[in-house]
N, C-alpha and C. Protein backbone atom coordinates (compact mmCIF):
# COMPACT_ATOMS: atom_id res chain seq x y z
N MET A 1 -13.11 24.07 32.27
CA MET A 1 -12.42 24.31 31.25
C MET A 1 -10.97 25.20 31.67
N ASN A 2 -9.72 24.75 31.36
CA ASN A 2 -8.56 25.70 31.62
C ASN A 2 -8.27 26.51 30.68
N LEU A 3 -6.77 26.94 30.88
CA LEU A 3 -6.44 27.85 29.94
C LEU A 3 -5.79 27.22 28.64
N LEU A 4 -5.22 25.83 28.94
CA LEU A 4 -5.10 25.15 27.64
C LEU A 4 -6.13 24.90 26.63
N ASP A 5 -7.16 25.08 26.80
CA ASP A 5 -8.32 24.80 25.80
C ASP A 5 -8.35 25.95 25.14
N PHE A 6 -7.86 27.31 25.24
CA PHE A 6 -8.04 28.34 24.69
C PHE A 6 -6.57 28.40 23.62
N SER A 7 -5.58 27.30 23.74
CA SER A 7 -4.26 28.02 23.46
C SER A 7 -4.64 27.73 21.84
N ASN A 8 -5.12 27.16 21.20
CA ASN A 8 -5.32 27.28 19.64
C ASN A 8 -6.60 27.47 19.20
N SER A 9 -7.35 28.21 19.80
CA SER A 9 -8.64 28.67 19.13
C SER A 9 -9.06 30.35 19.28
N ILE A 10 -10.02 30.64 18.64
CA ILE A 10 -10.08 32.15 18.49
C ILE A 10 -10.48 32.57 19.76
N GLU A 11 -11.16 32.03 20.60
CA GLU A 11 -11.65 32.73 21.94
C GLU A 11 -10.06 32.70 22.93
N GLY A 12 -9.11 32.12 22.69
CA GLY A 12 -7.91 32.53 23.68
C GLY A 12 -7.38 33.89 23.23
N TYR A 13 -7.41 34.06 21.75
CA TYR A 13 -7.22 35.41 21.30
C TYR A 13 -8.09 36.53 21.87
N LEU A 14 -9.29 36.37 21.46
CA LEU A 14 -9.92 37.10 22.02
C LEU A 14 -10.20 37.74 23.41
N LEU A 15 -9.88 36.51 24.18
CA LEU A 15 -9.71 36.58 25.62
C LEU A 15 -8.32 37.50 25.88
N VAL A 16 -7.14 37.47 25.27
CA VAL A 16 -6.15 38.41 25.70
C VAL A 16 -6.52 39.66 25.18
N GLY A 17 -7.28 39.52 23.82
CA GLY A 17 -7.54 41.11 23.33
C GLY A 17 -8.49 41.74 23.87
N SER A 18 -9.35 41.28 24.81
CA SER A 18 -10.20 41.71 25.61
C SER A 18 -9.63 42.29 27.07
N ILE A 19 -8.72 41.43 27.45
CA ILE A 19 -7.89 41.86 28.67
C ILE A 19 -7.02 42.84 28.53
N LEU A 20 -6.59 42.97 27.36
CA LEU A 20 -5.84 44.30 27.13
C LEU A 20 -6.50 45.45 27.18
N PHE A 21 -7.61 45.32 26.23
CA PHE A 21 -8.21 46.46 25.93
C PHE A 21 -9.10 47.21 27.36
N THR A 22 -9.20 46.26 28.02
CA THR A 22 -9.87 46.50 29.14
C THR A 22 -8.69 47.19 30.22
N LEU A 23 -7.47 46.88 30.30
CA LEU A 23 -6.66 47.23 30.88
C LEU A 23 -6.18 48.84 30.38
N GLY A 24 -6.31 48.70 28.99
CA GLY A 24 -5.93 50.09 28.47
C GLY A 24 -7.23 50.96 28.79
N ILE A 25 -8.36 50.89 28.48
CA ILE A 25 -9.51 51.75 28.97
C ILE A 25 -9.28 52.07 30.62
N PHE A 26 -8.81 51.27 31.57
CA PHE A 26 -8.83 51.57 32.99
C PHE A 26 -7.88 52.40 32.87
N SER A 27 -6.44 52.45 32.18
CA SER A 27 -5.40 52.96 32.03
C SER A 27 -5.68 54.42 31.53
N VAL A 28 -6.51 54.59 30.43
CA VAL A 28 -6.91 56.24 30.30
C VAL A 28 -7.67 57.06 30.97
N LEU A 29 -8.66 56.30 31.96
CA LEU A 29 -9.91 56.42 32.33
C LEU A 29 -8.96 57.18 33.98
N THR A 30 -8.27 56.61 34.68
CA THR A 30 -7.99 56.71 35.79
C THR A 30 -6.19 57.11 35.82
N ARG A 31 -5.90 57.51 34.96
CA ARG A 31 -4.32 57.95 35.24
C ARG A 31 -4.21 59.59 34.96
N LYS A 32 -3.87 60.35 35.77
CA LYS A 32 -3.19 61.79 35.66
C LYS A 32 -2.11 61.75 34.83
N ASN A 33 -1.38 61.26 34.92
CA ASN A 33 -0.16 61.15 34.45
C ASN A 33 -0.21 61.14 32.63
N ALA A 34 0.47 62.24 31.96
CA ALA A 34 0.07 61.80 30.38
C ALA A 34 0.91 60.60 29.84
N ILE A 35 2.13 60.43 30.09
CA ILE A 35 2.61 58.97 29.82
C ILE A 35 1.71 58.13 30.03
N GLY A 36 1.37 57.81 31.34
CA GLY A 36 0.07 56.55 31.59
C GLY A 36 -0.99 56.86 30.45
N ILE A 37 -1.42 57.86 30.49
CA ILE A 37 -2.50 57.83 29.42
C ILE A 37 -1.91 57.20 28.07
N LEU A 38 -0.85 57.86 27.50
CA LEU A 38 -0.57 57.24 26.58
C LEU A 38 0.01 55.92 26.64
N LEU A 39 0.42 55.08 27.33
CA LEU A 39 0.45 53.72 27.41
C LEU A 39 -0.79 53.28 27.60
N GLY A 40 -2.01 53.50 28.12
CA GLY A 40 -3.07 53.02 27.87
C GLY A 40 -3.85 53.08 26.58
N VAL A 41 -3.32 53.89 25.79
CA VAL A 41 -3.89 54.35 24.05
C VAL A 41 -3.30 53.19 23.41
N GLU A 42 -1.85 52.99 23.67
CA GLU A 42 -1.34 51.73 23.16
C GLU A 42 -1.86 50.62 23.61
N LEU A 43 -2.14 50.04 24.52
CA LEU A 43 -2.83 48.98 24.92
C LEU A 43 -3.84 48.64 24.25
N ILE A 44 -4.65 49.70 23.99
CA ILE A 44 -6.14 49.59 23.25
C ILE A 44 -5.55 49.08 21.72
N LEU A 45 -4.77 49.91 21.04
CA LEU A 45 -4.30 49.67 20.06
C LEU A 45 -3.78 48.26 19.77
N ASN A 46 -2.83 47.78 20.63
CA ASN A 46 -2.52 46.26 20.46
C ASN A 46 -3.59 45.48 20.65
N ALA A 47 -4.40 45.88 21.77
CA ALA A 47 -5.55 44.71 21.52
C ALA A 47 -6.22 44.97 20.17
N ALA A 48 -6.71 45.87 19.66
CA ALA A 48 -7.14 45.62 18.35
C ALA A 48 -6.25 44.85 17.30
N GLY A 49 -5.08 45.22 17.25
CA GLY A 49 -4.22 44.45 16.48
C GLY A 49 -4.27 42.77 16.45
N ILE A 50 -4.40 42.49 17.99
CA ILE A 50 -4.59 41.16 18.09
C ILE A 50 -5.76 40.50 17.71
N ASN A 51 -7.01 41.24 17.93
CA ASN A 51 -8.19 40.80 17.25
C ASN A 51 -7.97 40.97 15.98
N PHE A 52 -7.52 41.87 15.18
CA PHE A 52 -7.47 41.78 13.67
C PHE A 52 -6.87 40.25 13.44
N VAL A 53 -5.75 39.94 13.82
CA VAL A 53 -5.12 38.76 13.49
C VAL A 53 -5.53 37.63 13.76
N ALA A 54 -6.07 37.55 14.87
CA ALA A 54 -7.19 36.69 15.62
C ALA A 54 -8.16 36.23 14.41
N PHE A 55 -8.71 37.10 14.00
CA PHE A 55 -10.14 37.03 12.96
C PHE A 55 -9.35 36.63 11.59
N SER A 56 -8.10 37.13 11.35
CA SER A 56 -7.40 36.60 10.18
C SER A 56 -6.99 35.31 10.20
N LYS A 57 -6.89 34.39 11.26
CA LYS A 57 -6.22 33.54 11.51
C LYS A 57 -7.33 32.32 11.24
N PHE A 58 -8.57 32.79 11.51
CA PHE A 58 -9.70 31.66 11.90
C PHE A 58 -10.71 31.88 10.87
N HIS A 59 -10.84 33.21 10.21
CA HIS A 59 -11.90 33.30 8.98
C HIS A 59 -11.32 33.80 8.13
N SER A 60 -11.64 33.46 6.93
CA SER A 60 -10.92 33.96 5.59
C SER A 60 -11.71 35.21 5.45
N ALA A 61 -11.46 36.27 5.25
CA ALA A 61 -11.71 37.45 5.37
C ALA A 61 -11.67 38.33 4.04
N ALA A 62 -12.57 39.56 3.65
CA ALA A 62 -11.65 40.11 2.54
C ALA A 62 -10.54 40.87 2.82
N ILE A 63 -10.53 41.33 4.24
CA ILE A 63 -9.42 42.22 4.54
C ILE A 63 -8.35 41.34 5.27
N ASP A 64 -7.22 41.38 4.92
CA ASP A 64 -5.99 40.92 5.81
C ASP A 64 -5.80 41.00 6.78
N GLY A 65 -5.84 40.48 7.98
CA GLY A 65 -5.80 41.17 9.21
C GLY A 65 -4.59 41.36 9.57
N GLN A 66 -3.54 40.37 8.99
CA GLN A 66 -2.06 40.94 9.07
C GLN A 66 -1.79 42.66 8.43
N MET A 67 -2.44 42.86 7.62
CA MET A 67 -1.96 44.04 6.80
C MET A 67 -2.46 44.99 7.66
N VAL A 68 -3.82 44.76 8.20
CA VAL A 68 -4.35 45.96 8.94
C VAL A 68 -3.83 46.07 10.28
N THR A 69 -3.18 44.79 10.83
CA THR A 69 -2.49 45.07 11.97
C THR A 69 -0.90 45.77 11.82
N LEU A 70 -0.31 45.87 10.95
CA LEU A 70 0.78 46.52 10.31
C LEU A 70 0.45 47.88 10.30
N PHE A 71 -0.61 48.13 9.71
CA PHE A 71 -1.16 49.78 9.76
C PHE A 71 -1.22 50.12 11.16
N ILE A 72 -1.94 49.39 11.95
CA ILE A 72 -1.98 50.10 13.39
C ILE A 72 -0.95 50.27 14.03
N ILE A 73 0.01 49.22 14.04
CA ILE A 73 1.58 49.29 14.76
C ILE A 73 1.99 50.72 14.01
N LEU A 74 1.93 50.88 12.55
CA LEU A 74 2.49 52.17 12.02
C LEU A 74 1.90 53.46 12.67
N ILE A 75 0.55 53.55 12.41
CA ILE A 75 -0.48 54.66 13.41
C ILE A 75 0.01 54.73 14.90
N ALA A 76 0.06 53.60 15.71
CA ALA A 76 0.91 53.53 16.87
C ALA A 76 2.05 54.31 17.08
N ALA A 77 3.00 53.99 16.44
CA ALA A 77 4.50 54.86 16.40
C ALA A 77 4.27 55.74 16.02
N ALA A 78 3.37 56.19 15.02
CA ALA A 78 3.39 57.62 14.70
C ALA A 78 2.66 58.70 15.66
N GLU A 79 1.74 57.99 16.31
CA GLU A 79 0.82 58.74 17.52
C GLU A 79 1.60 58.85 18.63
N ALA A 80 2.56 57.81 18.79
CA ALA A 80 3.78 57.96 20.07
C ALA A 80 4.59 58.84 20.04
N ALA A 81 5.17 59.08 18.81
CA ALA A 81 6.03 59.81 18.52
C ALA A 81 5.53 61.82 18.58
N VAL A 82 4.32 61.86 18.14
CA VAL A 82 3.65 62.95 18.33
C VAL A 82 3.44 63.54 19.69
N ALA A 83 2.91 62.26 20.34
CA ALA A 83 2.25 62.66 21.49
C ALA A 83 3.28 62.94 22.62
N LEU A 84 4.78 62.02 22.46
CA LEU A 84 5.66 62.36 23.31
C LEU A 84 6.14 63.71 23.06
N ALA A 85 6.18 64.25 21.77
CA ALA A 85 6.91 65.56 21.70
C ALA A 85 5.72 66.71 22.28
N ILE A 86 4.50 66.21 21.99
CA ILE A 86 3.71 67.52 22.88
C ILE A 86 3.85 67.11 24.38
N ILE A 87 4.06 65.99 24.96
CA ILE A 87 4.50 65.79 26.71
C ILE A 87 5.63 66.63 26.77
N LEU A 88 6.70 66.20 25.95
CA LEU A 88 8.05 67.21 26.46
C LEU A 88 7.92 68.65 26.43
N ARG A 89 7.01 69.44 25.26
CA ARG A 89 6.76 70.31 25.28
C ARG A 89 5.93 70.98 26.14
N PHE A 90 4.99 70.39 26.75
CA PHE A 90 4.38 70.61 27.92
C PHE A 90 4.87 70.60 28.91
N TYR A 91 5.63 69.58 29.27
CA TYR A 91 6.85 69.57 30.19
C TYR A 91 7.50 70.93 30.18
N ARG A 92 8.14 71.24 29.58
CA ARG A 92 9.34 72.27 29.52
C ARG A 92 8.40 73.77 29.91
N LEU A 93 7.48 73.95 29.39
CA LEU A 93 6.13 75.11 29.61
C LEU A 93 5.97 75.22 30.86
N LYS A 94 5.40 73.63 31.82
CA LYS A 94 4.53 73.64 33.09
C LYS A 94 5.35 73.15 34.10
N GLN A 95 6.48 72.31 33.89
CA GLN A 95 7.54 71.42 34.61
C GLN A 95 6.49 70.65 35.15
N THR A 96 5.62 69.76 34.80
CA THR A 96 4.32 68.91 34.99
C THR A 96 4.39 68.13 33.79
N ILE A 97 3.85 66.61 34.11
CA ILE A 97 3.12 66.23 33.00
C ILE A 97 1.63 65.59 33.53
N ASP A 98 1.00 66.32 34.44
CA ASP A 98 -0.09 65.97 34.97
C ASP A 98 -0.95 66.38 33.97
N ALA A 99 -2.19 65.59 33.21
CA ALA A 99 -2.86 66.13 32.42
C ALA A 99 -3.90 67.14 32.67
N ASP A 100 -4.53 67.03 34.27
CA ASP A 100 -5.23 68.11 34.50
C ASP A 100 -4.83 69.27 34.68
N GLU A 101 -3.52 69.58 34.26
CA GLU A 101 -2.96 70.92 33.94
C GLU A 101 -3.02 71.61 32.70
N ALA A 102 -3.26 70.44 31.96
CA ALA A 102 -3.34 70.85 30.40
C ALA A 102 -4.76 71.84 30.19
N SER A 103 -5.34 71.86 30.68
CA SER A 103 -6.53 72.73 30.70
C SER A 103 -6.11 74.53 30.75
N LEU A 104 -4.87 74.60 31.47
CA LEU A 104 -4.46 75.82 31.40
C LEU A 104 -3.82 76.25 30.24
N LEU A 105 -3.66 75.51 29.34
CA LEU A 105 -3.39 75.73 28.19
C LEU A 105 -3.88 76.35 27.23
N ARG A 106 -5.50 76.51 27.50
CA ARG A 106 -6.55 77.13 26.70
C ARG A 106 -6.43 78.78 26.98
N ASN A 107 -5.70 79.26 28.11
CA ASN A 107 -5.77 80.60 27.93
C ASN A 107 -4.74 81.70 27.45
């Protein structure tokens, strides 16, 4: 079985979604940099969007996958804006974006 067999099937879309999800989880768990963690969260949200579109394309469900994906994209944009604002404020206070230093904000 080669990659061309997955070109027009739900398995191909789910494979890409699972790869993105795995890379996102790996990025969130291993990065100390706050921007790297934010990028990992974006990968996870994109993987969810790909899966919703795939199920919408191949299965006629009550929930339209494209609409759910549009909401995921909107939420991801709002989340990125708020997270970047927090990261910029943290950088101005501590001169670093290391996520381990964020525990110092509790004091």
